[in-house]
All heavy atoms as atom14 arrays in JSON, in Angstrom:
{
  "sequence": "ELAGAVERVALFSTDGDYSIIKMSVDNGELTITSSSPDVGTGREVIS",
  "atom14_mask": [
    [1, 1, 1, 1, 1, 1, 1, 1, 1, 0, 0, 0, 0, 0],
    [1, 1, 1, 1, 1, 1, 1, 1, 0, 0, 0, 0, 0, 0],
    [1, 1, 1, 1, 1, 0, 0, 0, 0, 0, 0, 0, 0, 0],
    [1, 1, 1, 1, 0, 0, 0, 0, 0, 0, 0, 0, 0, 0],
    [1, 1, 1, 1, 1, 0, 0, 0, 0, 0, 0, 0, 0, 0],
    [1, 1, 1, 1, 1, 1, 1, 0, 0, 0, 0, 0, 0, 0],
    [1, 1, 1, 1, 1, 1, 1, 1, 1, 0, 0, 0, 0, 0],
    [1, 1, 1, 1, 1, 1, 1, 1, 1, 1, 1, 0, 0, 0],
    [1, 1, 1, 1, 1, 1, 1, 0, 0, 0, 0, 0, 0, 0],
    [1, 1, 1, 1, 1, 0, 0, 0, 0, 0, 0, 0, 0, 0],
    [1, 1, 1, 1, 1, 1, 1, 1, 0, 0, 0, 0, 0, 0],
    [1, 1, 1, 1, 1, 1, 1, 1, 1, 1, 1, 0, 0, 0],
    [1, 1, 1, 1, 1, 1, 0, 0, 0, 0, 0, 0, 0, 0],
    [1, 1, 1, 1, 1, 1, 1, 0, 0, 0, 0, 0, 0, 0],
    [1, 1, 1, 1, 1, 1, 1, 1, 0, 0, 0, 0, 0, 0],
    [1, 1, 1, 1, 0, 0, 0, 0, 0, 0, 0, 0, 0, 0],
    [1, 1, 1, 1, 1, 1, 1, 1, 0, 0, 0, 0, 0, 0],
    [1, 1, 1, 1, 1, 1, 1, 1, 1, 1, 1, 1, 0, 0],
    [1, 1, 1, 1, 1, 1, 0, 0, 0, 0, 0, 0, 0, 0],
    [1, 1, 1, 1, 1, 1, 1, 1, 0, 0, 0, 0, 0, 0],
    [1, 1, 1, 1, 1, 1, 1, 1, 0, 0, 0, 0, 0, 0],
    [1, 1, 1, 1, 1, 1, 1, 1, 1, 0, 0, 0, 0, 0],
    [1, 1, 1, 1, 1, 1, 1, 1, 0, 0, 0, 0, 0, 0],
    [1, 1, 1, 1, 1, 1, 0, 0, 0, 0, 0, 0, 0, 0],
    [1, 1, 1, 1, 1, 1, 1, 0, 0, 0, 0, 0, 0, 0],
    [1, 1, 1, 1, 1, 1, 1, 1, 0, 0, 0, 0, 0, 0],
    [1, 1, 1, 1, 1, 1, 1, 1, 0, 0, 0, 0, 0, 0],
    [1, 1, 1, 1, 0, 0, 0, 0, 0, 0, 0, 0, 0, 0],
    [1, 1, 1, 1, 1, 1, 1, 1, 1, 0, 0, 0, 0, 0],
    [1, 1, 1, 1, 1, 1, 1, 1, 0, 0, 0, 0, 0, 0],
    [1, 1, 1, 1, 1, 1, 1, 0, 0, 0, 0, 0, 0, 0],
    [1, 1, 1, 1, 1, 1, 1, 1, 0, 0, 0, 0, 0, 0],
    [1, 1, 1, 1, 1, 1, 1, 0, 0, 0, 0, 0, 0, 0],
    [1, 1, 1, 1, 1, 1, 0, 0, 0, 0, 0, 0, 0, 0],
    [1, 1, 1, 1, 1, 1, 0, 0, 0, 0, 0, 0, 0, 0],
    [1, 1, 1, 1, 1, 1, 0, 0, 0, 0, 0, 0, 0, 0],
    [1, 1, 1, 1, 1, 1, 1, 0, 0, 0, 0, 0, 0, 0],
    [1, 1, 1, 1, 1, 1, 1, 1, 0, 0, 0, 0, 0, 0],
    [1, 1, 1, 1, 1, 1, 1, 0, 0, 0, 0, 0, 0, 0],
    [1, 1, 1, 1, 0, 0, 0, 0, 0, 0, 0, 0, 0, 0],
    [1, 1, 1, 1, 1, 1, 1, 0, 0, 0, 0, 0, 0, 0],
    [1, 1, 1, 1, 0, 0, 0, 0, 0, 0, 0, 0, 0, 0],
    [1, 1, 1, 1, 1, 1, 1, 1, 1, 1, 1, 0, 0, 0],
    [1, 1, 1, 1, 1, 1, 1, 1, 1, 0, 0, 0, 0, 0],
    [1, 1, 1, 1, 1, 1, 1, 0, 0, 0, 0, 0, 0, 0],
    [1, 1, 1, 1, 1, 1, 1, 1, 0, 0, 0, 0, 0, 0],
    [1, 1, 1, 1, 1, 1, 0, 0, 0, 0, 0, 0, 0, 0]
  ],
  "atom14_positions": [
    [[0.83, -1.2, 0.0], [0.0, 0.0, 0.0], [0.86, 1.26, 0.0], [0.59, 2.22, -0.73], [-0.91, 0.01, 1.23], [-2.05, -1.0, 1.17], [-2.96, -0.9, 2.38], [-2.79, 0.06, 3.18], [-3.83, -1.77, 2.54], [0.0, 0.0, 0.0], [0.0, 0.0, 0.0], [0.0, 0.0, 0.0], [0.0, 0.0, 0.0], [0.0, 0.0, 0.0]],
    [[1.9, 1.25, 0.83], [2.78, 2.43, 0.9], [3.51, 2.66, -0.41], [3.58, 3.8, -0.89], [3.78, 2.26, 2.04], [4.79, 3.41, 2.23], [4.07, 4.73, 2.46], [5.74, 3.1, 3.39], [0.0, 0.0, 0.0], [0.0, 0.0, 0.0], [0.0, 0.0, 0.0], [0.0, 0.0, 0.0], [0.0, 0.0, 0.0], [0.0, 0.0, 0.0]],
    [[4.05, 1.59, -1.01], [4.78, 1.73, -2.27], [3.87, 2.28, -3.37], [4.26, 3.17, -4.14], [5.38, 0.4, -2.68], [0.0, 0.0, 0.0], [0.0, 0.0, 0.0], [0.0, 0.0, 0.0], [0.0, 0.0, 0.0], [0.0, 0.0, 0.0], [0.0, 0.0, 0.0], [0.0, 0.0, 0.0], [0.0, 0.0, 0.0], [0.0, 0.0, 0.0]],
    [[2.66, 1.75, -3.44], [1.73, 2.22, -4.46], [1.37, 3.68, -4.27], [1.34, 4.47, -5.23], [0.0, 0.0, 0.0], [0.0, 0.0, 0.0], [0.0, 0.0, 0.0], [0.0, 0.0, 0.0], [0.0, 0.0, 0.0], [0.0, 0.0, 0.0], [0.0, 0.0, 0.0], [0.0, 0.0, 0.0], [0.0, 0.0, 0.0], [0.0, 0.0, 0.0]],
    [[1.12, 4.08, -3.0], [0.77, 5.47, -2.72], [1.93, 6.41, -3.04], [1.74, 7.47, -3.63], [0.36, 5.6, -1.25], [0.0, 0.0, 0.0], [0.0, 0.0, 0.0], [0.0, 0.0, 0.0], [0.0, 0.0, 0.0], [0.0, 0.0, 0.0], [0.0, 0.0, 0.0], [0.0, 0.0, 0.0], [0.0, 0.0, 0.0], [0.0, 0.0, 0.0]],
    [[3.14, 6.01, -2.67], [4.31, 6.85, -2.93], [4.52, 7.01, -4.43], [4.8, 8.12, -4.92], [5.58, 6.26, -2.26], [6.82, 6.99, -2.74], [5.47, 6.34, -0.76], [0.0, 0.0, 0.0], [0.0, 0.0, 0.0], [0.0, 0.0, 0.0], [0.0, 0.0, 0.0], [0.0, 0.0, 0.0], [0.0, 0.0, 0.0], [0.0, 0.0, 0.0]],
    [[4.4, 5.93, -5.18], [4.59, 6.01, -6.64], [3.58, 6.96, -7.29], [3.94, 7.75, -8.16], [4.45, 4.61, -7.26], [5.68, 3.73, -7.06], [5.53, 2.4, -7.78], [4.41, 1.89, -7.88], [6.57, 1.87, -8.23], [0.0, 0.0, 0.0], [0.0, 0.0, 0.0], [0.0, 0.0, 0.0], [0.0, 0.0, 0.0], [0.0, 0.0, 0.0]],
    [[2.34, 6.87, -6.85], [1.3, 7.71, -7.46], [1.45, 9.18, -7.06], [1.39, 10.08, -7.91], [-0.08, 7.19, -7.08], [-0.42, 5.85, -7.72], [-1.85, 5.44, -7.42], [-2.04, 5.1, -6.01], [-1.88, 3.89, -5.49], [-1.5, 2.89, -6.28], [-2.1, 3.65, -4.21], [0.0, 0.0, 0.0], [0.0, 0.0, 0.0], [0.0, 0.0, 0.0]],
    [[1.67, 9.42, -5.78], [1.78, 10.8, -5.31], [3.04, 11.47, -5.88], [3.03, 12.67, -6.18], [1.79, 10.84, -3.77], [2.11, 12.25, -3.26], [0.43, 10.39, -3.23], [0.0, 0.0, 0.0], [0.0, 0.0, 0.0], [0.0, 0.0, 0.0], [0.0, 0.0, 0.0], [0.0, 0.0, 0.0], [0.0, 0.0, 0.0], [0.0, 0.0, 0.0]],
    [[4.1, 10.7, -6.05], [5.36, 11.25, -6.58], [5.19, 11.79, -8.0], [6.0, 12.62, -8.44], [6.46, 10.2, -6.55], [0.0, 0.0, 0.0], [0.0, 0.0, 0.0], [0.0, 0.0, 0.0], [0.0, 0.0, 0.0], [0.0, 0.0, 0.0], [0.0, 0.0, 0.0], [0.0, 0.0, 0.0], [0.0, 0.0, 0.0], [0.0, 0.0, 0.0]],
    [[4.16, 11.36, -8.69], [3.91, 11.87, -10.04], [3.61, 13.36, -10.04], [3.77, 14.04, -11.05], [2.72, 11.12, -10.68], [2.91, 9.62, -10.94], [1.6, 9.01, -11.41], [4.01, 9.38, -11.97], [0.0, 0.0, 0.0], [0.0, 0.0, 0.0], [0.0, 0.0, 0.0], [0.0, 0.0, 0.0], [0.0, 0.0, 0.0], [0.0, 0.0, 0.0]],
    [[3.2, 13.88, -8.88], [2.83, 15.28, -8.78], [3.95, 16.14, -8.19], [3.74, 17.3, -7.87], [1.56, 15.42, -7.93], [0.37, 14.81, -8.58], [0.1, 13.45, -8.45], [-0.48, 15.58, -9.36], [-0.99, 12.88, -9.07], [-1.57, 15.01, -9.99], [-1.84, 13.66, -9.85], [0.0, 0.0, 0.0], [0.0, 0.0, 0.0], [0.0, 0.0, 0.0]],
    [[5.13, 15.53, -8.05], [6.28, 16.27, -7.55], [7.11, 16.77, -8.73], [6.77, 16.55, -9.89], [7.13, 15.38, -6.65], [8.21, 16.09, -6.12], [0.0, 0.0, 0.0], [0.0, 0.0, 0.0], [0.0, 0.0, 0.0], [0.0, 0.0, 0.0], [0.0, 0.0, 0.0], [0.0, 0.0, 0.0], [0.0, 0.0, 0.0], [0.0, 0.0, 0.0]],
    [[8.22, 17.4, -8.42], [9.12, 17.9, -9.45], [9.66, 16.75, -10.27], [10.0, 15.69, -9.74], [10.29, 18.67, -8.81], [9.75, 19.66, -7.94], [11.16, 19.33, -9.86], [0.0, 0.0, 0.0], [0.0, 0.0, 0.0], [0.0, 0.0, 0.0], [0.0, 0.0, 0.0], [0.0, 0.0, 0.0], [0.0, 0.0, 0.0], [0.0, 0.0, 0.0]],
    [[9.76, 16.94, -11.59], [10.31, 15.89, -12.45], [11.77, 15.64, -12.14], [12.46, 16.47, -11.57], [10.17, 16.28, -13.93], [8.72, 16.29, -14.38], [7.92, 15.6, -13.72], [8.41, 16.97, -15.36], [0.0, 0.0, 0.0], [0.0, 0.0, 0.0], [0.0, 0.0, 0.0], [0.0, 0.0, 0.0], [0.0, 0.0, 0.0], [0.0, 0.0, 0.0]],
    [[12.24, 14.46, -12.51], [13.65, 14.12, -12.31], [13.84, 13.15, -11.17], [12.88, 12.59, -10.61], [0.0, 0.0, 0.0], [0.0, 0.0, 0.0], [0.0, 0.0, 0.0], [0.0, 0.0, 0.0], [0.0, 0.0, 0.0], [0.0, 0.0, 0.0], [0.0, 0.0, 0.0], [0.0, 0.0, 0.0], [0.0, 0.0, 0.0], [0.0, 0.0, 0.0]],
    [[15.11, 12.93, -10.82], [15.44, 11.95, -9.78], [15.1, 12.45, -8.38], [14.93, 11.65, -7.46], [16.94, 11.61, -9.84], [17.3, 10.87, -11.12], [16.4, 10.21, -11.67], [18.45, 10.97, -11.56], [0.0, 0.0, 0.0], [0.0, 0.0, 0.0], [0.0, 0.0, 0.0], [0.0, 0.0, 0.0], [0.0, 0.0, 0.0], [0.0, 0.0, 0.0]],
    [[15.01, 13.76, -8.22], [14.79, 14.29, -6.87], [13.33, 14.66, -6.71], [12.94, 15.83, -6.75], [15.71, 15.48, -6.62], [16.12, 15.6, -5.17], [17.03, 14.68, -4.64], [15.6, 16.59, -4.34], [17.42, 14.77, -3.31], [15.99, 16.68, -3.02], [16.9, 15.76, -2.51], [17.28, 15.83, -1.2], [0.0, 0.0, 0.0], [0.0, 0.0, 0.0]],
    [[12.5, 13.65, -6.53], [11.06, 13.84, -6.4], [10.68, 13.8, -4.92], [10.79, 12.76, -4.27], [10.34, 12.72, -7.18], [8.97, 12.75, -6.95], [0.0, 0.0, 0.0], [0.0, 0.0, 0.0], [0.0, 0.0, 0.0], [0.0, 0.0, 0.0], [0.0, 0.0, 0.0], [0.0, 0.0, 0.0], [0.0, 0.0, 0.0], [0.0, 0.0, 0.0]],
    [[10.24, 14.92, -4.39], [9.97, 15.04, -2.96], [8.51, 14.73, -2.64], [7.58, 15.23, -3.3], [10.3, 16.47, -2.46], [11.74, 16.82, -2.78], [10.04, 16.57, -0.95], [12.76, 15.89, -2.2], [0.0, 0.0, 0.0], [0.0, 0.0, 0.0], [0.0, 0.0, 0.0], [0.0, 0.0, 0.0], [0.0, 0.0, 0.0], [0.0, 0.0, 0.0]],
    [[8.32, 13.88, -1.61], [6.99, 13.62, -1.08], [6.98, 13.97, 0.4], [8.0, 13.89, 1.08], [6.57, 12.15, -1.26], [7.59, 11.21, -0.6], [6.38, 11.81, -2.74], [7.09, 9.8, -0.41], [0.0, 0.0, 0.0], [0.0, 0.0, 0.0], [0.0, 0.0, 0.0], [0.0, 0.0, 0.0], [0.0, 0.0, 0.0], [0.0, 0.0, 0.0]],
    [[5.81, 14.38, 0.88], [5.66, 14.7, 2.3], [4.81, 13.62, 2.97], [3.85, 13.12, 2.38], [4.98, 16.06, 2.47], [5.74, 17.22, 1.84], [4.94, 18.51, 1.95], [5.66, 19.67, 1.29], [4.87, 20.93, 1.36], [0.0, 0.0, 0.0], [0.0, 0.0, 0.0], [0.0, 0.0, 0.0], [0.0, 0.0, 0.0], [0.0, 0.0, 0.0]],
    [[5.19, 13.25, 4.19], [4.43, 12.27, 4.96], [4.04, 12.87, 6.3], [4.84, 13.56, 6.95], [5.25, 11.01, 5.2], [5.47, 10.13, 4.0], [6.29, 8.58, 4.48], [6.53, 7.82, 2.88], [0.0, 0.0, 0.0], [0.0, 0.0, 0.0], [0.0, 0.0, 0.0], [0.0, 0.0, 0.0], [0.0, 0.0, 0.0], [0.0, 0.0, 0.0]],
    [[2.81, 12.59, 6.73], [2.34, 12.99, 8.05], [1.81, 11.76, 8.76], [0.93, 11.07, 8.23], [1.23, 14.04, 7.94], [1.72, 15.22, 7.36], [0.0, 0.0, 0.0], [0.0, 0.0, 0.0], [0.0, 0.0, 0.0], [0.0, 0.0, 0.0], [0.0, 0.0, 0.0], [0.0, 0.0, 0.0], [0.0, 0.0, 0.0], [0.0, 0.0, 0.0]],
    [[2.37, 11.48, 9.93], [1.93, 10.35, 10.74], [1.11, 10.9, 11.9], [1.6, 11.73, 12.67], [3.12, 9.54, 11.29], [2.63, 8.34, 12.09], [4.03, 9.1, 10.16], [0.0, 0.0, 0.0], [0.0, 0.0, 0.0], [0.0, 0.0, 0.0], [0.0, 0.0, 0.0], [0.0, 0.0, 0.0], [0.0, 0.0, 0.0], [0.0, 0.0, 0.0]],
    [[-0.15, 10.41, 12.01], [-0.99, 10.91, 13.1], [-2.16, 9.97, 13.35], [-2.96, 9.71, 12.45], [-1.52, 12.31, 12.74], [-2.3, 12.94, 13.9], [-2.0, 12.6, 15.06], [-3.17, 13.78, 13.61], [0.0, 0.0, 0.0], [0.0, 0.0, 0.0], [0.0, 0.0, 0.0], [0.0, 0.0, 0.0], [0.0, 0.0, 0.0], [0.0, 0.0, 0.0]],
    [[-2.22, 9.45, 14.55], [-3.4, 8.73, 15.03], [-3.84, 7.6, 14.08], [-5.0, 7.54, 13.66], [-4.55, 9.72, 15.25], [-5.64, 9.12, 16.12], [-5.38, 8.23, 16.93], [-6.86, 9.6, 15.93], [0.0, 0.0, 0.0], [0.0, 0.0, 0.0], [0.0, 0.0, 0.0], [0.0, 0.0, 0.0], [0.0, 0.0, 0.0], [0.0, 0.0, 0.0]],
    [[-2.91, 6.72, 13.73], [-3.27, 5.55, 12.93], [-3.43, 5.81, 11.45], [-3.95, 4.96, 10.71], [0.0, 0.0, 0.0], [0.0, 0.0, 0.0], [0.0, 0.0, 0.0], [0.0, 0.0, 0.0], [0.0, 0.0, 0.0], [0.0, 0.0, 0.0], [0.0, 0.0, 0.0], [0.0, 0.0, 0.0], [0.0, 0.0, 0.0], [0.0, 0.0, 0.0]],
    [[-2.98, 6.97, 10.98], [-3.06, 7.28, 9.55], [-1.74, 7.86, 9.05], [-1.09, 8.63, 9.76], [-4.18, 8.27, 9.26], [-5.57, 7.66, 9.33], [-6.63, 8.62, 8.87], [-6.38, 9.85, 8.85], [-7.72, 8.15, 8.5], [0.0, 0.0, 0.0], [0.0, 0.0, 0.0], [0.0, 0.0, 0.0], [0.0, 0.0, 0.0], [0.0, 0.0, 0.0]],
    [[-1.38, 7.48, 7.82], [-0.19, 8.02, 7.16], [-0.66, 8.76, 5.92], [-1.2, 8.14, 4.98], [0.77, 6.89, 6.8], [2.1, 7.28, 6.14], [2.92, 8.17, 7.06], [2.9, 6.04, 5.78], [0.0, 0.0, 0.0], [0.0, 0.0, 0.0], [0.0, 0.0, 0.0], [0.0, 0.0, 0.0], [0.0, 0.0, 0.0], [0.0, 0.0, 0.0]],
    [[-0.49, 10.07, 5.92], [-0.91, 10.89, 4.79], [0.29, 11.25, 3.94], [1.29, 11.76, 4.45], [-1.61, 12.18, 5.29], [-2.7, 11.83, 6.13], [-2.13, 12.99, 4.11], [0.0, 0.0, 0.0], [0.0, 0.0, 0.0], [0.0, 0.0, 0.0], [0.0, 0.0, 0.0], [0.0, 0.0, 0.0], [0.0, 0.0, 0.0], [0.0, 0.0, 0.0]],
    [[0.19, 10.99, 2.65], [1.3, 11.25, 1.71], [0.83, 12.3, 0.72], [-0.22, 12.14, 0.07], [1.7, 9.96, 0.97], [2.04, 8.87, 1.99], [2.89, 10.2, 0.05], [1.9, 7.47, 1.44], [0.0, 0.0, 0.0], [0.0, 0.0, 0.0], [0.0, 0.0, 0.0], [0.0, 0.0, 0.0], [0.0, 0.0, 0.0], [0.0, 0.0, 0.0]],
    [[1.6, 13.37, 0.58], [1.21, 14.45, -0.32], [2.4, 14.92, -1.15], [3.56, 14.71, -0.79], [0.66, 15.66, 0.46], [1.68, 16.14, 1.36], [-0.57, 15.29, 1.25], [0.0, 0.0, 0.0], [0.0, 0.0, 0.0], [0.0, 0.0, 0.0], [0.0, 0.0, 0.0], [0.0, 0.0, 0.0], [0.0, 0.0, 0.0], [0.0, 0.0, 0.0]],
    [[2.08, 15.56, -2.26], [3.1, 16.16, -3.11], [2.42, 17.17, -4.01], [1.22, 17.06, -4.31], [3.83, 15.1, -3.93], [4.9, 15.68, -4.65], [0.0, 0.0, 0.0], [0.0, 0.0, 0.0], [0.0, 0.0, 0.0], [0.0, 0.0, 0.0], [0.0, 0.0, 0.0], [0.0, 0.0, 0.0], [0.0, 0.0, 0.0], [0.0, 0.0, 0.0]],
    [[3.18, 18.17, -4.46], [2.59, 19.17, -5.34], [3.66, 19.79, -6.22], [4.85, 19.79, -5.88], [1.89, 20.26, -4.53], [2.83, 20.96, -3.74], [0.0, 0.0, 0.0], [0.0, 0.0, 0.0], [0.0, 0.0, 0.0], [0.0, 0.0, 0.0], [0.0, 0.0, 0.0], [0.0, 0.0, 0.0], [0.0, 0.0, 0.0], [0.0, 0.0, 0.0]],
    [[3.22, 20.28, -7.36], [4.11, 20.96, -8.29], [3.29, 22.0, -9.04], [2.17, 21.71, -9.48], [4.71, 19.96, -9.28], [5.34, 20.63, -10.36], [0.0, 0.0, 0.0], [0.0, 0.0, 0.0], [0.0, 0.0, 0.0], [0.0, 0.0, 0.0], [0.0, 0.0, 0.0], [0.0, 0.0, 0.0], [0.0, 0.0, 0.0], [0.0, 0.0, 0.0]],
    [[3.8, 23.22, -9.2], [3.04, 24.25, -9.92], [2.79, 23.9, -11.38], [1.87, 24.43, -12.0], [3.94, 25.49, -9.8], [5.31, 24.96, -9.49], [5.09, 23.71, -8.7], [0.0, 0.0, 0.0], [0.0, 0.0, 0.0], [0.0, 0.0, 0.0], [0.0, 0.0, 0.0], [0.0, 0.0, 0.0], [0.0, 0.0, 0.0], [0.0, 0.0, 0.0]],
    [[3.61, 22.97, -11.92], [3.45, 22.6, -13.33], [2.54, 21.38, -13.53], [2.11, 21.12, -14.65], [4.82, 22.28, -13.94], [5.77, 23.46, -13.89], [5.28, 24.61, -14.05], [6.97, 23.25, -13.68], [0.0, 0.0, 0.0], [0.0, 0.0, 0.0], [0.0, 0.0, 0.0], [0.0, 0.0, 0.0], [0.0, 0.0, 0.0], [0.0, 0.0, 0.0]],
    [[2.26, 20.66, -12.44], [1.49, 19.42, -12.58], [0.19, 19.46, -11.79], [-0.9, 19.22, -12.32], [2.32, 18.2, -12.11], [1.53, 16.9, -12.32], [3.64, 18.13, -12.87], [0.0, 0.0, 0.0], [0.0, 0.0, 0.0], [0.0, 0.0, 0.0], [0.0, 0.0, 0.0], [0.0, 0.0, 0.0], [0.0, 0.0, 0.0], [0.0, 0.0, 0.0]],
    [[0.27, 19.77, -10.5], [-0.9, 19.77, -9.65], [-0.55, 19.23, -8.28], [0.59, 19.35, -7.83], [0.0, 0.0, 0.0], [0.0, 0.0, 0.0], [0.0, 0.0, 0.0], [0.0, 0.0, 0.0], [0.0, 0.0, 0.0], [0.0, 0.0, 0.0], [0.0, 0.0, 0.0], [0.0, 0.0, 0.0], [0.0, 0.0, 0.0], [0.0, 0.0, 0.0]],
    [[-1.52, 18.62, -7.62], [-1.29, 18.08, -6.28], [-1.79, 16.64, -6.19], [-2.73, 16.25, -6.88], [-2.01, 18.92, -5.21], [-3.42, 18.89, -5.46], [-1.51, 20.35, -5.21], [0.0, 0.0, 0.0], [0.0, 0.0, 0.0], [0.0, 0.0, 0.0], [0.0, 0.0, 0.0], [0.0, 0.0, 0.0], [0.0, 0.0, 0.0], [0.0, 0.0, 0.0]],
    [[-1.14, 15.88, -5.32], [-1.56, 14.5, -5.06], [-1.62, 14.26, -3.57], [-0.78, 14.78, -2.82], [0.0, 0.0, 0.0], [0.0, 0.0, 0.0], [0.0, 0.0, 0.0], [0.0, 0.0, 0.0], [0.0, 0.0, 0.0], [0.0, 0.0, 0.0], [0.0, 0.0, 0.0], [0.0, 0.0, 0.0], [0.0, 0.0, 0.0], [0.0, 0.0, 0.0]],
    [[-2.6, 13.48, -3.13], [-2.74, 13.19, -1.7], [-3.38, 11.82, -1.51], [-4.4, 11.52, -2.15], [-3.61, 14.26, -1.03], [-3.82, 14.07, 0.47], [-4.65, 15.22, 1.03], [-4.81, 15.13, 2.47], [-5.79, 14.47, 3.08], [-6.72, 13.82, 2.34], [-5.87, 14.41, 4.4], [0.0, 0.0, 0.0], [0.0, 0.0, 0.0], [0.0, 0.0, 0.0]],
    [[-2.77, 11.01, -0.68], [-3.33, 9.7, -0.34], [-3.2, 9.47, 1.16], [-2.22, 9.9, 1.78], [-2.63, 8.57, -1.11], [-2.95, 8.55, -2.59], [-2.73, 7.17, -3.21], [-2.87, 6.16, -2.48], [-2.45, 7.12, -4.42], [0.0, 0.0, 0.0], [0.0, 0.0, 0.0], [0.0, 0.0, 0.0], [0.0, 0.0, 0.0], [0.0, 0.0, 0.0]],
    [[-4.17, 8.76, 1.71], [-4.15, 8.42, 3.13], [-4.25, 6.9, 3.25], [-5.14, 6.28, 2.67], [-5.32, 9.07, 3.88], [-5.28, 8.68, 5.37], [-5.29, 10.58, 3.73], [0.0, 0.0, 0.0], [0.0, 0.0, 0.0], [0.0, 0.0, 0.0], [0.0, 0.0, 0.0], [0.0, 0.0, 0.0], [0.0, 0.0, 0.0], [0.0, 0.0, 0.0]],
    [[-3.3, 6.31, 3.97], [-3.35, 4.87, 4.22], [-3.29, 4.63, 5.73], [-2.75, 5.44, 6.48], [-2.21, 4.12, 3.5], [-0.84, 4.62, 3.97], [-2.34, 4.24, 1.99], [0.33, 3.86, 3.35], [0.0, 0.0, 0.0], [0.0, 0.0, 0.0], [0.0, 0.0, 0.0], [0.0, 0.0, 0.0], [0.0, 0.0, 0.0], [0.0, 0.0, 0.0]],
    [[-3.87, 3.52, 6.15], [-3.89, 3.22, 7.58], [-2.55, 2.67, 8.03], [-1.81, 2.07, 7.24], [-5.0, 2.21, 7.88], [-4.78, 1.0, 7.17], [0.0, 0.0, 0.0], [0.0, 0.0, 0.0], [0.0, 0.0, 0.0], [0.0, 0.0, 0.0], [0.0, 0.0, 0.0], [0.0, 0.0, 0.0], [0.0, 0.0, 0.0], [0.0, 0.0, 0.0]]
  ]
}
């Protein structure tokens, strides 16, 4: 689940090898987000 979420959300980060994703851990949930002014935003929540 984590690998799939990271792969999908990373599509919305900066192109190239240095693709940054953000993770937030809180109360039984892991939220993964990324954004780029040229692409858009991605967000997924997994337990």
